[in-house]
N, C-alpha and C. Protein backbone atom coordinates (compact mmCIF):
# COMPACT_ATOMS: atom_id res chain seq x y z
N MET A 1 -9.25 -33.78 -6.15
CA MET A 1 -8.86 -33.70 -7.57
C MET A 1 -7.35 -33.54 -7.65
N ARG A 2 -6.74 -34.35 -8.57
CA ARG A 2 -5.30 -34.26 -8.72
C ARG A 2 -4.90 -32.99 -9.45
N SER A 3 -3.73 -32.45 -9.08
CA SER A 3 -3.18 -31.32 -9.82
C SER A 3 -2.57 -31.83 -11.11
N PHE A 4 -2.18 -30.91 -11.97
CA PHE A 4 -1.58 -31.30 -13.24
C PHE A 4 -0.30 -32.09 -13.01
N SER A 5 0.55 -31.65 -12.09
CA SER A 5 1.81 -32.33 -11.83
C SER A 5 1.59 -33.72 -11.25
N GLN A 6 0.56 -33.87 -10.40
CA GLN A 6 0.25 -35.17 -9.84
C GLN A 6 -0.23 -36.14 -10.91
N SER A 7 -1.05 -35.62 -11.81
CA SER A 7 -1.54 -36.46 -12.91
C SER A 7 -0.40 -36.90 -13.80
N GLU A 8 0.52 -36.00 -14.04
CA GLU A 8 1.68 -36.33 -14.86
C GLU A 8 2.48 -37.45 -14.22
N ALA A 9 2.67 -37.37 -12.90
CA ALA A 9 3.45 -38.38 -12.19
C ALA A 9 2.77 -39.74 -12.28
N VAL A 10 1.46 -39.76 -12.16
CA VAL A 10 0.71 -41.02 -12.25
C VAL A 10 0.89 -41.64 -13.63
N LEU A 11 0.79 -40.82 -14.67
CA LEU A 11 0.94 -41.34 -16.03
C LEU A 11 2.36 -41.85 -16.27
N ARG A 12 3.33 -41.10 -15.79
CA ARG A 12 4.72 -41.48 -16.02
C ARG A 12 5.08 -42.78 -15.30
N LYS A 13 4.43 -43.05 -14.16
CA LYS A 13 4.74 -44.23 -13.37
C LYS A 13 3.76 -45.37 -13.64
N SER A 14 3.06 -45.29 -14.75
CA SER A 14 2.06 -46.31 -15.07
C SER A 14 2.73 -47.62 -15.48
N ARG A 15 1.91 -48.63 -15.82
CA ARG A 15 2.40 -49.98 -16.04
C ARG A 15 3.04 -50.16 -17.42
N TRP A 16 3.01 -49.13 -18.26
CA TRP A 16 3.58 -49.30 -19.59
C TRP A 16 5.07 -49.54 -19.52
N LYS A 17 5.61 -50.31 -20.44
CA LYS A 17 7.01 -50.72 -20.42
C LYS A 17 7.93 -49.52 -20.40
N LYS A 18 8.98 -49.64 -19.61
CA LYS A 18 10.01 -48.63 -19.48
C LYS A 18 9.45 -47.28 -19.06
N GLY A 19 8.22 -47.27 -18.49
CA GLY A 19 7.65 -46.03 -17.98
C GLY A 19 7.28 -45.03 -19.05
N ARG A 20 7.23 -45.43 -20.31
CA ARG A 20 6.89 -44.50 -21.39
C ARG A 20 5.46 -44.73 -21.87
N LEU A 21 4.82 -43.61 -22.26
CA LEU A 21 3.44 -43.71 -22.73
C LEU A 21 3.39 -44.20 -24.16
N PRO A 22 2.31 -44.89 -24.50
CA PRO A 22 2.12 -45.25 -25.92
C PRO A 22 2.09 -43.99 -26.77
N GLU A 23 2.42 -44.15 -28.04
CA GLU A 23 2.55 -42.99 -28.93
C GLU A 23 1.29 -42.16 -28.96
N ARG A 24 0.12 -42.81 -29.01
CA ARG A 24 -1.12 -42.05 -29.13
C ARG A 24 -1.38 -41.22 -27.87
N TYR A 25 -0.91 -41.68 -26.68
CA TYR A 25 -1.09 -40.92 -25.45
C TYR A 25 -0.02 -39.85 -25.28
N SER A 26 1.19 -40.17 -25.73
CA SER A 26 2.29 -39.21 -25.59
C SER A 26 1.99 -37.91 -26.33
N TYR A 27 1.40 -38.03 -27.51
CA TYR A 27 1.09 -36.83 -28.30
C TYR A 27 0.12 -35.92 -27.54
N TRP A 28 -0.98 -36.51 -27.05
CA TRP A 28 -1.97 -35.69 -26.36
C TRP A 28 -1.46 -35.19 -25.00
N PHE A 29 -0.63 -36.01 -24.38
CA PHE A 29 -0.02 -35.57 -23.11
C PHE A 29 0.82 -34.31 -23.32
N ASP A 30 1.62 -34.29 -24.38
CA ASP A 30 2.45 -33.12 -24.68
C ASP A 30 1.60 -31.91 -25.04
N GLN A 31 0.49 -32.15 -25.74
CA GLN A 31 -0.38 -31.03 -26.09
C GLN A 31 -1.01 -30.38 -24.86
N VAL A 32 -1.41 -31.25 -23.90
CA VAL A 32 -1.99 -30.73 -22.66
C VAL A 32 -0.96 -29.91 -21.89
N LYS A 33 0.27 -30.39 -21.84
CA LYS A 33 1.34 -29.66 -21.16
C LYS A 33 1.54 -28.28 -21.79
N LYS A 34 1.57 -28.23 -23.11
CA LYS A 34 1.75 -26.95 -23.80
C LYS A 34 0.60 -26.01 -23.51
N LEU A 35 -0.62 -26.55 -23.53
CA LEU A 35 -1.80 -25.73 -23.27
C LEU A 35 -1.76 -25.14 -21.85
N CYS A 36 -1.39 -25.98 -20.88
CA CYS A 36 -1.32 -25.51 -19.48
C CYS A 36 -0.24 -24.44 -19.34
N TYR A 37 0.89 -24.64 -20.01
CA TYR A 37 1.96 -23.65 -19.94
C TYR A 37 1.51 -22.31 -20.52
N MET A 38 0.81 -22.37 -21.66
CA MET A 38 0.35 -21.14 -22.30
C MET A 38 -0.68 -20.42 -21.42
N CYS A 39 -1.55 -21.19 -20.76
CA CYS A 39 -2.56 -20.56 -19.89
C CYS A 39 -1.90 -19.83 -18.74
N VAL A 40 -0.93 -20.49 -18.10
CA VAL A 40 -0.23 -19.86 -16.98
C VAL A 40 0.53 -18.63 -17.44
N ARG A 41 1.20 -18.75 -18.57
CA ARG A 41 2.00 -17.62 -19.09
C ARG A 41 1.12 -16.43 -19.40
N HIS A 42 0.02 -16.64 -20.09
CA HIS A 42 -0.87 -15.54 -20.46
C HIS A 42 -1.53 -14.93 -19.23
N THR A 43 -1.82 -15.75 -18.23
CA THR A 43 -2.40 -15.22 -16.99
C THR A 43 -1.43 -14.27 -16.31
N LEU A 44 -0.16 -14.66 -16.23
CA LEU A 44 0.86 -13.81 -15.61
C LEU A 44 1.05 -12.52 -16.38
N VAL A 45 1.08 -12.61 -17.71
CA VAL A 45 1.24 -11.42 -18.54
C VAL A 45 0.06 -10.47 -18.35
N ASP A 46 -1.16 -11.03 -18.34
CA ASP A 46 -2.35 -10.20 -18.16
C ASP A 46 -2.32 -9.48 -16.82
N VAL A 47 -1.88 -10.18 -15.77
CA VAL A 47 -1.81 -9.56 -14.45
C VAL A 47 -0.81 -8.42 -14.46
N MET A 48 0.37 -8.65 -15.06
CA MET A 48 1.38 -7.60 -15.12
C MET A 48 0.88 -6.40 -15.91
N GLN A 49 0.22 -6.65 -17.02
CA GLN A 49 -0.30 -5.55 -17.83
C GLN A 49 -1.33 -4.75 -17.05
N LYS A 50 -2.17 -5.43 -16.30
CA LYS A 50 -3.18 -4.72 -15.53
C LYS A 50 -2.53 -3.88 -14.43
N GLU A 51 -1.57 -4.48 -13.70
CA GLU A 51 -0.92 -3.75 -12.62
C GLU A 51 -0.17 -2.53 -13.15
N GLN A 52 0.51 -2.70 -14.28
CA GLN A 52 1.22 -1.57 -14.88
C GLN A 52 0.24 -0.49 -15.31
N ASN A 53 -0.87 -0.90 -15.87
CA ASN A 53 -1.87 0.05 -16.34
C ASN A 53 -2.46 0.83 -15.17
N VAL A 54 -2.80 0.13 -14.09
CA VAL A 54 -3.37 0.79 -12.91
C VAL A 54 -2.34 1.72 -12.28
N LEU A 55 -1.10 1.28 -12.22
CA LEU A 55 -0.05 2.11 -11.66
C LEU A 55 0.12 3.39 -12.47
N GLY A 56 0.09 3.26 -13.79
CA GLY A 56 0.19 4.44 -14.64
C GLY A 56 -0.95 5.41 -14.42
N ALA A 57 -2.17 4.88 -14.28
CA ALA A 57 -3.33 5.73 -14.03
C ALA A 57 -3.20 6.43 -12.68
N LEU A 58 -2.75 5.69 -11.66
CA LEU A 58 -2.58 6.28 -10.33
C LEU A 58 -1.53 7.39 -10.36
N ALA A 59 -0.44 7.15 -11.09
CA ALA A 59 0.62 8.18 -11.17
C ALA A 59 0.08 9.47 -11.79
N LEU A 60 -0.73 9.34 -12.84
CA LEU A 60 -1.30 10.53 -13.49
C LEU A 60 -2.29 11.25 -12.57
N VAL A 61 -3.14 10.47 -11.92
CA VAL A 61 -4.14 11.08 -11.03
C VAL A 61 -3.47 11.80 -9.86
N LEU A 62 -2.45 11.17 -9.28
CA LEU A 62 -1.73 11.81 -8.18
C LEU A 62 -1.03 13.08 -8.64
N ASN A 63 -0.39 13.02 -9.80
CA ASN A 63 0.30 14.20 -10.31
C ASN A 63 -0.68 15.34 -10.56
N ASP A 64 -1.80 15.02 -11.20
CA ASP A 64 -2.80 16.05 -11.47
C ASP A 64 -3.38 16.62 -10.17
N GLY A 65 -3.67 15.72 -9.22
CA GLY A 65 -4.27 16.17 -7.97
C GLY A 65 -3.33 17.03 -7.15
N ILE A 66 -2.06 16.61 -7.07
CA ILE A 66 -1.08 17.39 -6.30
C ILE A 66 -0.84 18.75 -6.94
N ARG A 67 -0.68 18.75 -8.26
CA ARG A 67 -0.43 20.02 -8.95
C ARG A 67 -1.61 20.98 -8.78
N SER A 68 -2.83 20.46 -8.94
CA SER A 68 -4.01 21.30 -8.82
C SER A 68 -4.16 21.86 -7.41
N ALA A 69 -3.99 20.99 -6.39
CA ALA A 69 -4.19 21.41 -5.01
C ALA A 69 -3.12 22.39 -4.55
N THR A 70 -1.86 22.11 -4.90
CA THR A 70 -0.77 22.99 -4.45
C THR A 70 -0.77 24.32 -5.18
N ASN A 71 -1.08 24.31 -6.46
CA ASN A 71 -1.15 25.58 -7.19
C ASN A 71 -2.33 26.43 -6.72
N ALA A 72 -3.43 25.77 -6.36
CA ALA A 72 -4.57 26.51 -5.81
C ALA A 72 -4.17 27.17 -4.49
N SER A 73 -3.35 26.47 -3.71
CA SER A 73 -2.87 27.04 -2.46
C SER A 73 -2.00 28.26 -2.69
N MET A 74 -1.23 28.20 -3.79
CA MET A 74 -0.34 29.32 -4.12
C MET A 74 -1.07 30.44 -4.85
N GLY A 75 -2.20 30.12 -5.46
CA GLY A 75 -2.86 31.10 -6.32
C GLY A 75 -2.10 31.35 -7.58
N MET A 76 -1.29 30.33 -7.99
CA MET A 76 -0.47 30.46 -9.19
C MET A 76 -0.56 29.17 -9.98
N SER A 77 0.26 29.06 -11.02
CA SER A 77 0.23 27.87 -11.86
C SER A 77 1.66 27.43 -12.17
N GLY A 78 1.77 26.37 -12.97
CA GLY A 78 3.09 25.90 -13.38
C GLY A 78 3.85 25.24 -12.24
N GLU A 79 5.16 25.53 -12.18
CA GLU A 79 6.04 24.90 -11.20
C GLU A 79 6.30 25.77 -9.98
N THR A 80 5.41 26.71 -9.72
CA THR A 80 5.61 27.65 -8.62
C THR A 80 5.67 26.93 -7.27
N ALA A 81 4.71 26.07 -7.01
CA ALA A 81 4.69 25.35 -5.74
C ALA A 81 5.91 24.47 -5.59
N ALA A 82 6.31 23.80 -6.67
CA ALA A 82 7.50 22.94 -6.62
C ALA A 82 8.74 23.75 -6.30
N ALA A 83 8.83 24.97 -6.85
CA ALA A 83 9.99 25.83 -6.58
C ALA A 83 10.07 26.18 -5.10
N VAL A 84 8.94 26.51 -4.50
CA VAL A 84 8.92 26.86 -3.07
C VAL A 84 9.32 25.64 -2.23
N MET A 85 8.78 24.47 -2.55
CA MET A 85 9.14 23.26 -1.81
C MET A 85 10.62 22.95 -1.95
N LEU A 86 11.14 23.06 -3.14
CA LEU A 86 12.54 22.72 -3.42
C LEU A 86 13.50 23.66 -2.71
N ILE A 87 13.25 24.95 -2.82
CA ILE A 87 14.15 25.93 -2.21
C ILE A 87 14.09 25.84 -0.68
N GLY A 88 12.90 25.57 -0.15
CA GLY A 88 12.76 25.44 1.29
C GLY A 88 13.56 24.27 1.85
N ALA A 89 13.64 23.17 1.10
CA ALA A 89 14.37 21.99 1.54
C ALA A 89 15.87 22.12 1.31
N ASN A 90 16.26 23.05 0.42
CA ASN A 90 17.68 23.19 0.05
C ASN A 90 18.08 24.66 0.05
N PRO A 91 18.30 25.25 1.22
CA PRO A 91 18.69 26.67 1.28
C PRO A 91 19.97 26.94 0.48
N HIS A 92 20.04 28.12 -0.08
CA HIS A 92 21.19 28.56 -0.87
C HIS A 92 21.34 27.77 -2.17
N LEU A 93 20.22 27.33 -2.71
CA LEU A 93 20.21 26.64 -4.00
C LEU A 93 20.43 27.68 -5.10
N THR A 94 21.14 27.28 -6.15
CA THR A 94 21.38 28.20 -7.25
C THR A 94 20.23 28.18 -8.24
N VAL A 95 20.14 29.22 -9.03
CA VAL A 95 19.09 29.31 -10.05
C VAL A 95 19.24 28.18 -11.05
N GLY A 96 20.49 27.84 -11.39
CA GLY A 96 20.74 26.77 -12.35
C GLY A 96 20.21 25.42 -11.87
N LEU A 97 20.40 25.10 -10.60
CA LEU A 97 19.91 23.83 -10.07
C LEU A 97 18.39 23.81 -9.99
N VAL A 98 17.79 24.94 -9.68
CA VAL A 98 16.33 25.04 -9.69
C VAL A 98 15.80 24.78 -11.10
N ALA A 99 16.43 25.38 -12.08
CA ALA A 99 16.01 25.20 -13.48
C ALA A 99 16.09 23.73 -13.88
N LYS A 100 17.17 23.06 -13.48
CA LYS A 100 17.35 21.66 -13.84
C LYS A 100 16.33 20.78 -13.15
N ALA A 101 16.09 21.03 -11.87
CA ALA A 101 15.15 20.21 -11.10
C ALA A 101 13.72 20.36 -11.61
N LEU A 102 13.36 21.56 -12.05
CA LEU A 102 11.99 21.82 -12.50
C LEU A 102 11.83 21.68 -14.01
N ALA A 103 12.94 21.34 -14.69
CA ALA A 103 12.92 21.19 -16.16
C ALA A 103 12.42 22.46 -16.84
N LEU A 104 12.93 23.61 -16.39
CA LEU A 104 12.58 24.90 -16.96
C LEU A 104 13.78 25.50 -17.68
N THR A 105 13.52 26.41 -18.59
CA THR A 105 14.61 27.14 -19.23
C THR A 105 15.20 28.13 -18.23
N PRO A 106 16.46 28.53 -18.43
CA PRO A 106 17.06 29.53 -17.53
C PRO A 106 16.24 30.81 -17.44
N SER A 107 15.76 31.29 -18.59
CA SER A 107 14.98 32.53 -18.57
C SER A 107 13.66 32.34 -17.85
N GLY A 108 13.02 31.19 -18.05
CA GLY A 108 11.77 30.90 -17.36
C GLY A 108 11.96 30.80 -15.86
N THR A 109 13.09 30.22 -15.46
CA THR A 109 13.39 30.11 -14.03
C THR A 109 13.63 31.47 -13.40
N VAL A 110 14.34 32.33 -14.11
CA VAL A 110 14.60 33.68 -13.61
C VAL A 110 13.28 34.43 -13.40
N ARG A 111 12.36 34.32 -14.35
CA ARG A 111 11.06 34.99 -14.21
C ARG A 111 10.29 34.44 -13.01
N LEU A 112 10.35 33.12 -12.83
CA LEU A 112 9.67 32.49 -11.72
C LEU A 112 10.24 32.98 -10.38
N ILE A 113 11.56 33.00 -10.28
CA ILE A 113 12.21 33.44 -9.04
C ILE A 113 11.92 34.92 -8.78
N ASP A 114 11.93 35.72 -9.81
CA ASP A 114 11.63 37.15 -9.64
C ASP A 114 10.21 37.34 -9.11
N LYS A 115 9.28 36.52 -9.60
CA LYS A 115 7.89 36.61 -9.12
C LYS A 115 7.80 36.20 -7.64
N LEU A 116 8.49 35.13 -7.27
CA LEU A 116 8.47 34.69 -5.88
C LEU A 116 9.14 35.71 -4.96
N ALA A 117 10.20 36.34 -5.45
CA ALA A 117 10.88 37.37 -4.67
C ALA A 117 9.99 38.59 -4.50
N ALA A 118 9.27 38.97 -5.57
CA ALA A 118 8.38 40.12 -5.51
C ALA A 118 7.23 39.88 -4.54
N ASP A 119 6.83 38.62 -4.39
CA ASP A 119 5.76 38.27 -3.45
C ASP A 119 6.27 38.07 -2.03
N GLY A 120 7.56 38.26 -1.84
CA GLY A 120 8.14 38.14 -0.50
C GLY A 120 8.34 36.72 -0.03
N LEU A 121 8.38 35.75 -0.95
CA LEU A 121 8.53 34.35 -0.58
C LEU A 121 9.98 33.88 -0.66
N VAL A 122 10.74 34.47 -1.53
CA VAL A 122 12.13 34.06 -1.76
C VAL A 122 13.04 35.27 -1.64
N GLU A 123 14.22 35.04 -1.06
CA GLU A 123 15.23 36.09 -1.00
C GLU A 123 16.48 35.62 -1.73
N LYS A 124 17.17 36.55 -2.35
CA LYS A 124 18.36 36.24 -3.13
C LYS A 124 19.60 36.72 -2.38
N ASP A 125 20.65 35.95 -2.55
CA ASP A 125 21.94 36.33 -2.00
C ASP A 125 23.00 36.01 -3.05
N HIS A 126 24.18 36.54 -2.87
CA HIS A 126 25.25 36.29 -3.82
C HIS A 126 26.30 35.39 -3.21
N GLY A 127 26.86 34.54 -4.06
CA GLY A 127 27.94 33.68 -3.63
C GLY A 127 29.25 34.45 -3.54
N THR A 128 30.32 33.73 -3.34
CA THR A 128 31.62 34.37 -3.19
C THR A 128 32.10 35.06 -4.46
N ASP A 129 31.62 34.59 -5.62
CA ASP A 129 32.08 35.19 -6.88
C ASP A 129 31.18 36.33 -7.35
N GLN A 130 30.13 36.63 -6.60
CA GLN A 130 29.21 37.73 -6.89
C GLN A 130 28.38 37.50 -8.15
N ARG A 131 28.66 36.43 -8.86
CA ARG A 131 27.87 36.15 -10.07
C ARG A 131 26.81 35.07 -9.79
N THR A 132 27.09 34.24 -8.83
CA THR A 132 26.16 33.17 -8.48
C THR A 132 25.08 33.69 -7.54
N VAL A 133 23.82 33.46 -7.90
CA VAL A 133 22.69 33.87 -7.08
C VAL A 133 22.22 32.68 -6.26
N LEU A 134 22.18 32.85 -4.94
CA LEU A 134 21.74 31.80 -4.02
C LEU A 134 20.34 32.12 -3.51
N LEU A 135 19.51 31.11 -3.45
CA LEU A 135 18.10 31.31 -3.13
C LEU A 135 17.73 30.67 -1.79
N SER A 136 16.92 31.38 -1.03
CA SER A 136 16.40 30.85 0.24
C SER A 136 14.97 31.37 0.42
N LEU A 137 14.21 30.67 1.25
CA LEU A 137 12.86 31.13 1.54
C LEU A 137 12.88 32.15 2.68
N THR A 138 11.96 33.06 2.61
CA THR A 138 11.74 34.00 3.71
C THR A 138 10.82 33.33 4.72
N GLU A 139 10.55 34.01 5.82
CA GLU A 139 9.62 33.47 6.81
C GLU A 139 8.24 33.28 6.18
N LYS A 140 7.84 34.24 5.37
CA LYS A 140 6.56 34.13 4.66
C LYS A 140 6.59 32.94 3.71
N GLY A 141 7.75 32.70 3.09
CA GLY A 141 7.90 31.59 2.18
C GLY A 141 7.74 30.24 2.87
N PHE A 142 8.29 30.13 4.09
CA PHE A 142 8.16 28.88 4.84
C PHE A 142 6.72 28.63 5.28
N ILE A 143 6.01 29.67 5.58
CA ILE A 143 4.58 29.51 5.92
C ILE A 143 3.81 28.99 4.71
N LYS A 144 4.09 29.57 3.56
CA LYS A 144 3.44 29.11 2.33
C LYS A 144 3.84 27.68 2.00
N ARG A 145 5.08 27.33 2.28
CA ARG A 145 5.56 25.98 2.02
C ARG A 145 4.78 24.96 2.87
N SER A 146 4.50 25.31 4.10
CA SER A 146 3.72 24.42 4.97
C SER A 146 2.33 24.18 4.40
N GLU A 147 1.74 25.21 3.83
CA GLU A 147 0.42 25.06 3.22
C GLU A 147 0.48 24.13 2.00
N ILE A 148 1.53 24.30 1.21
CA ILE A 148 1.71 23.44 0.03
C ILE A 148 1.89 21.98 0.47
N GLN A 149 2.72 21.79 1.47
CA GLN A 149 3.00 20.44 1.97
C GLN A 149 1.74 19.78 2.50
N PHE A 150 0.91 20.54 3.17
CA PHE A 150 -0.35 20.01 3.69
C PHE A 150 -1.24 19.52 2.55
N GLU A 151 -1.35 20.29 1.47
CA GLU A 151 -2.19 19.92 0.33
C GLU A 151 -1.65 18.68 -0.36
N ARG A 152 -0.35 18.60 -0.48
CA ARG A 152 0.27 17.42 -1.11
C ARG A 152 -0.02 16.17 -0.30
N GLU A 153 0.16 16.25 1.01
CA GLU A 153 -0.09 15.10 1.88
C GLU A 153 -1.57 14.71 1.87
N ARG A 154 -2.44 15.68 1.74
CA ARG A 154 -3.88 15.39 1.71
C ARG A 154 -4.23 14.56 0.48
N VAL A 155 -3.68 14.94 -0.68
CA VAL A 155 -3.98 14.21 -1.92
C VAL A 155 -3.41 12.80 -1.87
N ILE A 156 -2.17 12.67 -1.43
CA ILE A 156 -1.55 11.35 -1.36
C ILE A 156 -2.27 10.48 -0.34
N GLY A 157 -2.64 11.08 0.78
CA GLY A 157 -3.35 10.33 1.81
C GLY A 157 -4.67 9.79 1.32
N GLN A 158 -5.32 10.52 0.43
CA GLN A 158 -6.60 10.06 -0.11
C GLN A 158 -6.41 8.76 -0.89
N SER A 159 -5.28 8.64 -1.61
CA SER A 159 -5.05 7.43 -2.40
C SER A 159 -4.74 6.23 -1.52
N MET A 160 -4.30 6.46 -0.29
CA MET A 160 -3.94 5.37 0.61
C MET A 160 -5.04 5.06 1.63
N ARG A 161 -6.17 5.69 1.45
CA ARG A 161 -7.29 5.49 2.38
C ARG A 161 -7.72 4.02 2.39
N GLY A 162 -7.89 3.47 3.59
CA GLY A 162 -8.36 2.09 3.71
C GLY A 162 -7.25 1.06 3.80
N LEU A 163 -6.00 1.46 3.56
CA LEU A 163 -4.90 0.51 3.68
C LEU A 163 -4.58 0.30 5.15
N SER A 164 -4.36 -0.94 5.51
CA SER A 164 -4.01 -1.26 6.90
C SER A 164 -2.54 -0.95 7.14
N PRO A 165 -2.13 -0.83 8.41
CA PRO A 165 -0.70 -0.62 8.71
C PRO A 165 0.18 -1.70 8.12
N ASN A 166 -0.29 -2.95 8.12
CA ASN A 166 0.51 -4.04 7.54
C ASN A 166 0.66 -3.87 6.03
N GLU A 167 -0.40 -3.43 5.37
CA GLU A 167 -0.33 -3.20 3.93
C GLU A 167 0.61 -2.05 3.60
N VAL A 168 0.59 -1.02 4.39
CA VAL A 168 1.50 0.11 4.18
C VAL A 168 2.94 -0.33 4.40
N ALA A 169 3.17 -1.20 5.40
CA ALA A 169 4.52 -1.70 5.68
C ALA A 169 5.04 -2.53 4.51
N VAL A 170 4.16 -3.28 3.86
CA VAL A 170 4.55 -4.06 2.69
C VAL A 170 4.81 -3.14 1.49
N LEU A 171 3.98 -2.12 1.36
CA LEU A 171 4.07 -1.20 0.23
C LEU A 171 5.37 -0.39 0.25
N GLY A 172 5.83 0.00 1.44
CA GLY A 172 6.99 0.88 1.56
C GLY A 172 8.22 0.41 0.80
N PRO A 173 8.74 -0.78 1.08
CA PRO A 173 9.93 -1.26 0.37
C PRO A 173 9.73 -1.39 -1.13
N LEU A 174 8.52 -1.73 -1.55
CA LEU A 174 8.25 -1.84 -2.99
C LEU A 174 8.34 -0.47 -3.66
N LEU A 175 7.80 0.55 -3.00
CA LEU A 175 7.88 1.90 -3.54
C LEU A 175 9.34 2.37 -3.62
N ASP A 176 10.14 2.03 -2.61
CA ASP A 176 11.56 2.39 -2.62
C ASP A 176 12.24 1.82 -3.86
N ARG A 177 11.98 0.54 -4.12
CA ARG A 177 12.62 -0.11 -5.26
C ARG A 177 12.14 0.46 -6.59
N MET A 178 10.85 0.72 -6.68
CA MET A 178 10.31 1.26 -7.92
C MET A 178 10.86 2.66 -8.21
N LEU A 179 10.97 3.47 -7.16
CA LEU A 179 11.53 4.81 -7.33
C LEU A 179 12.99 4.74 -7.73
N SER A 180 13.73 3.84 -7.12
CA SER A 180 15.14 3.68 -7.47
C SER A 180 15.33 3.21 -8.91
N ASN A 181 14.39 2.40 -9.39
CA ASN A 181 14.47 1.92 -10.78
C ASN A 181 14.43 3.06 -11.78
N MET A 182 13.79 4.16 -11.41
CA MET A 182 13.63 5.27 -12.33
C MET A 182 14.79 6.26 -12.30
N MET A 183 15.68 6.10 -11.35
CA MET A 183 16.79 7.05 -11.19
C MET A 183 17.98 6.59 -12.02
N LYS A 184 18.34 7.36 -13.00
CA LYS A 184 19.40 6.99 -13.94
C LYS A 184 20.72 7.71 -13.67
N SER A 185 20.66 8.81 -12.96
CA SER A 185 21.85 9.62 -12.72
C SER A 185 21.83 10.15 -11.30
N ALA A 186 23.03 10.33 -10.73
CA ALA A 186 23.13 10.90 -9.39
C ALA A 186 22.62 12.33 -9.35
N ASP A 187 22.56 12.98 -10.51
CA ASP A 187 22.09 14.36 -10.58
C ASP A 187 20.57 14.48 -10.61
N ASP A 188 19.87 13.34 -10.56
CA ASP A 188 18.40 13.36 -10.62
C ASP A 188 17.76 13.65 -9.26
N ASP A 189 18.58 13.72 -8.20
CA ASP A 189 17.99 13.76 -6.86
C ASP A 189 17.12 14.98 -6.62
N TYR A 190 17.55 16.15 -7.06
CA TYR A 190 16.74 17.35 -6.84
C TYR A 190 15.40 17.24 -7.56
N ARG A 191 15.43 16.69 -8.78
CA ARG A 191 14.18 16.57 -9.55
C ARG A 191 13.23 15.57 -8.90
N PHE A 192 13.77 14.44 -8.46
CA PHE A 192 12.92 13.42 -7.85
C PHE A 192 12.27 13.93 -6.56
N CYS A 193 13.01 14.72 -5.79
CA CYS A 193 12.54 15.12 -4.46
C CYS A 193 12.07 16.57 -4.41
N ARG A 194 11.73 17.13 -5.55
CA ARG A 194 11.42 18.56 -5.58
C ARG A 194 10.16 18.93 -4.80
N MET A 195 9.27 17.96 -4.59
CA MET A 195 8.04 18.24 -3.84
C MET A 195 7.99 17.47 -2.52
N CYS A 196 9.11 16.91 -2.10
CA CYS A 196 9.10 16.01 -0.94
C CYS A 196 9.08 16.75 0.39
N ASP A 197 8.55 16.05 1.38
CA ASP A 197 8.73 16.43 2.78
C ASP A 197 10.04 15.78 3.21
N GLU A 198 11.09 16.59 3.31
CA GLU A 198 12.44 16.04 3.50
C GLU A 198 12.62 15.31 4.82
N ASP A 199 11.74 15.57 5.79
CA ASP A 199 11.87 14.91 7.09
C ASP A 199 11.19 13.53 7.11
N ALA A 200 10.30 13.29 6.17
CA ALA A 200 9.50 12.06 6.22
C ALA A 200 10.34 10.81 5.94
N CYS A 201 11.40 10.94 5.15
CA CYS A 201 12.20 9.77 4.78
C CYS A 201 13.42 9.56 5.67
N GLU A 202 13.56 10.39 6.70
CA GLU A 202 14.69 10.19 7.62
C GLU A 202 14.47 8.93 8.45
N PRO A 203 15.53 8.15 8.72
CA PRO A 203 16.93 8.41 8.35
C PRO A 203 17.35 7.73 7.06
N ARG A 204 16.40 7.19 6.29
CA ARG A 204 16.76 6.39 5.12
C ARG A 204 15.95 6.83 3.91
N CYS A 205 16.54 7.72 3.12
CA CYS A 205 15.87 8.20 1.90
C CYS A 205 16.29 7.31 0.74
N PRO A 206 15.35 6.69 0.03
CA PRO A 206 15.71 5.81 -1.08
C PRO A 206 16.42 6.55 -2.21
N VAL A 207 16.08 7.81 -2.42
CA VAL A 207 16.74 8.58 -3.48
C VAL A 207 18.19 8.87 -3.11
N GLU A 208 18.44 9.21 -1.85
CA GLU A 208 19.80 9.46 -1.40
C GLU A 208 20.64 8.20 -1.48
N GLU A 209 20.05 7.06 -1.12
CA GLU A 209 20.78 5.80 -1.20
C GLU A 209 21.13 5.46 -2.64
N CYS A 210 20.17 5.64 -3.53
CA CYS A 210 20.41 5.36 -4.95
C CYS A 210 21.42 6.35 -5.52
N ARG A 211 21.33 7.60 -5.11
CA ARG A 211 22.27 8.60 -5.57
C ARG A 211 23.70 8.24 -5.18
N SER A 212 23.90 7.78 -3.96
CA SER A 212 25.23 7.41 -3.49
C SER A 212 25.79 6.25 -4.30
N LYS A 213 24.93 5.27 -4.61
CA LYS A 213 25.37 4.12 -5.40
C LYS A 213 25.75 4.55 -6.82
N LEU A 214 24.92 5.39 -7.42
CA LEU A 214 25.21 5.85 -8.78
C LEU A 214 26.49 6.69 -8.82
N ALA A 215 26.66 7.53 -7.81
CA ALA A 215 27.87 8.35 -7.76
C ALA A 215 29.11 7.49 -7.60
N GLU A 216 28.99 6.45 -6.79
CA GLU A 216 30.12 5.54 -6.59
C GLU A 216 30.46 4.79 -7.87
N ASN A 217 29.44 4.37 -8.60
CA ASN A 217 29.66 3.63 -9.85
C ASN A 217 30.26 4.47 -10.95
N THR A 218 29.99 5.78 -10.93
CA THR A 218 30.50 6.65 -11.99
C THR A 218 31.79 7.36 -11.60
N ARG A 219 32.26 7.10 -10.38
CA ARG A 219 33.51 7.74 -9.93
C ARG A 219 34.69 7.22 -10.74
N ILE A 220 35.52 8.14 -11.16
CA ILE A 220 36.69 7.77 -11.98
C ILE A 220 37.78 7.23 -11.07
N PRO A 221 38.28 6.00 -11.34
CA PRO A 221 39.34 5.45 -10.50
C PRO A 221 40.60 6.31 -10.56
N SER A 222 41.28 6.45 -9.42
CA SER A 222 42.50 7.25 -9.40
C SER A 222 43.68 6.43 -9.88
């Protein structure tokens, strides 16, 4: 069976004078072309809409699953697990940066840090100006962080069950690009990576690469 393009070529090279179709055929030929174009276009749109829809559902399910599993591990709620993961990956982080990364109010962040300190998970230190509070995990905090990380990896691993190594290799670069598309500012890095296993992306973290590019683009020329 001829394809649409092959059929078009046959018609165009037919015996009619100057290679042009009679008026009655030209009209229907153009209508068929328009119909085929519309079918292809709508098919592509439908596929994109489905993929976007499925991706959105997956993002919600992963977020819910990770939050539920990690908070159950902590025996707490809210952004507690994210705070432990974030501080563990970034020793001597300030309260202000924690608040920004977790999208919490300053007062809410202070209460959260006080609770973690009271539980022996976080220790506070002062910077050189004595006004800045620097945060680090205690040994107990790092143990709890490992438990949180295990639960996070378990949930994510469940979503990737059945994928072959080749499929995962194809998926990796696509995920890098999609994550980079969402990063609008160099200051987004802490928020994007607040629950990450910082060793998993070595030596090439897509967020760090995107951050460097954004910082370079916003640098004021001297």
